[in-house]
Amino acid sequence: MSDDTTNRGGRDRSQVAGGEGYELDYFARKHGISREQAQQLISSLGNDRATLDAAAEKLKG
């Protein structure tokens, strides 16, 4: 018997997918920072959305 193709599972919105260009662009636009700054934050802090949101707000000033 095959898997249930209608059950795709939930998305994990508590994380930022730094490897996905569209999500990196969205995160940078949302916080008014450059894409490079967003990538640096993700590289240094990980992909937890709450942590990244707080750090981006501090970075923006």
C-alpha atoms as a PDB file:
ATOM      1  CA  MET A   1       0.000   0.000   0.000  1.00  0.00           C
ATOM      2  CA  SER A   2       1.324   3.431  -0.876  1.00  0.00           C
ATOM      3  CA  ASP A   3       1.695   6.465   1.362  1.00  0.00           C
ATOM      4  CA  ASP A   4      -1.170   8.889   1.812  1.00  0.00           C
ATOM      5  CA  THR A   5      -0.279  11.643  -0.677  1.00  0.00           C
ATOM      6  CA  THR A   6      -2.875  14.009   0.763  1.00  0.00           C
ATOM      7  CA  ASN A   7      -1.083  14.163   4.120  1.00  0.00           C
ATOM      8  CA  ARG A   8       1.889  16.439   3.562  1.00  0.00           C
ATOM      9  CA  GLY A   9       2.577  17.333   7.188  1.00  0.00           C
ATOM     10  CA  GLY A  10       2.793  20.746   8.737  1.00  0.00           C
ATOM     11  CA  ARG A  11       5.271  23.411   7.869  1.00  0.00           C
ATOM     12  CA  ASP A  12       7.720  24.498  10.476  1.00  0.00           C
ATOM     13  CA  ARG A  13       7.246  28.241  10.530  1.00  0.00           C
ATOM     14  CA  SER A  14       9.476  28.647  13.560  1.00  0.00           C
ATOM     15  CA  GLN A  15      12.544  28.339  11.344  1.00  0.00           C
ATOM     16  CA  VAL A  16      13.980  30.341   8.475  1.00  0.00           C
ATOM     17  CA  ALA A  17      15.211  28.310   5.510  1.00  0.00           C
ATOM     18  CA  GLY A  18      18.444  30.189   4.852  1.00  0.00           C
ATOM     19  CA  GLY A  19      19.263  27.995   1.879  1.00  0.00           C
ATOM     20  CA  GLU A  20      16.152  29.121   0.030  1.00  0.00           C
ATOM     21  CA  GLY A  21      16.694  32.379  -1.840  1.00  0.00           C
ATOM     22  CA  TYR A  22      13.067  33.467  -1.711  1.00  0.00           C
ATOM     23  CA  GLU A  23      12.934  33.086   2.062  1.00  0.00           C
ATOM     24  CA  LEU A  24      16.215  34.916   2.516  1.00  0.00           C
ATOM     25  CA  ASP A  25      14.893  37.784   0.362  1.00  0.00           C
ATOM     26  CA  TYR A  26      11.622  37.880   2.320  1.00  0.00           C
ATOM     27  CA  PHE A  27      13.418  37.960   5.669  1.00  0.00           C
ATOM     28  CA  ALA A  28      15.714  40.775   4.519  1.00  0.00           C
ATOM     29  CA  ARG A  29      12.806  42.828   3.117  1.00  0.00           C
ATOM     30  CA  LYS A  30      10.704  42.246   6.224  1.00  0.00           C
ATOM     31  CA  HIS A  31      13.397  43.727   8.464  1.00  0.00           C
ATOM     32  CA  GLY A  32      14.801  46.353   6.095  1.00  0.00           C
ATOM     33  CA  ILE A  33      18.267  44.818   5.982  1.00  0.00           C
ATOM     34  CA  SER A  34      20.399  43.645   3.088  1.00  0.00           C
ATOM     35  CA  ARG A  35      20.359  40.071   1.864  1.00  0.00           C
ATOM     36  CA  GLU A  36      24.002  39.732   2.908  1.00  0.00           C
ATOM     37  CA  GLN A  37      23.167  40.879   6.445  1.00  0.00           C
ATOM     38  CA  ALA A  38      20.321  38.379   6.610  1.00  0.00           C
ATOM     39  CA  GLN A  39      22.629  35.577   5.454  1.00  0.00           C
ATOM     40  CA  GLN A  40      25.228  36.554   8.061  1.00  0.00           C
ATOM     41  CA  LEU A  41      22.612  36.461  10.814  1.00  0.00           C
ATOM     42  CA  ILE A  42      21.424  33.021   9.768  1.00  0.00           C
ATOM     43  CA  SER A  43      24.996  31.739   9.509  1.00  0.00           C
ATOM     44  CA  SER A  44      25.967  33.019  12.936  1.00  0.00           C
ATOM     45  CA  LEU A  45      22.737  32.470  14.915  1.00  0.00           C
ATOM     46  CA  GLY A  46      21.098  29.491  13.244  1.00  0.00           C
ATOM     47  CA  ASN A  47      17.624  29.350  11.749  1.00  0.00           C
ATOM     48  CA  ASP A  48      15.323  29.989  14.741  1.00  0.00           C
ATOM     49  CA  ARG A  49      12.884  32.658  13.543  1.00  0.00           C
ATOM     50  CA  ALA A  50      12.345  34.326  16.947  1.00  0.00           C
ATOM     51  CA  THR A  51      16.092  34.689  17.543  1.00  0.00           C
ATOM     52  CA  LEU A  52      16.665  36.012  14.029  1.00  0.00           C
ATOM     53  CA  ASP A  53      13.774  38.486  14.261  1.00  0.00           C
ATOM     54  CA  ALA A  54      15.186  39.925  17.499  1.00  0.00           C
ATOM     55  CA  ALA A  55      18.716  40.160  16.089  1.00  0.00           C
ATOM     56  CA  ALA A  56      17.506  41.792  12.856  1.00  0.00           C
ATOM     57  CA  GLU A  57      15.593  44.439  14.829  1.00  0.00           C
ATOM     58  CA  LYS A  58      18.760  45.242  16.820  1.00  0.00           C
ATOM     59  CA  LEU A  59      20.794  45.354  13.621  1.00  0.00           C
ATOM     60  CA  LYS A  60      18.341  47.725  11.974  1.00  0.00           C
ATOM     61  CA  GLY A  61      18.647  50.044  14.943  1.00  0.00           C
END
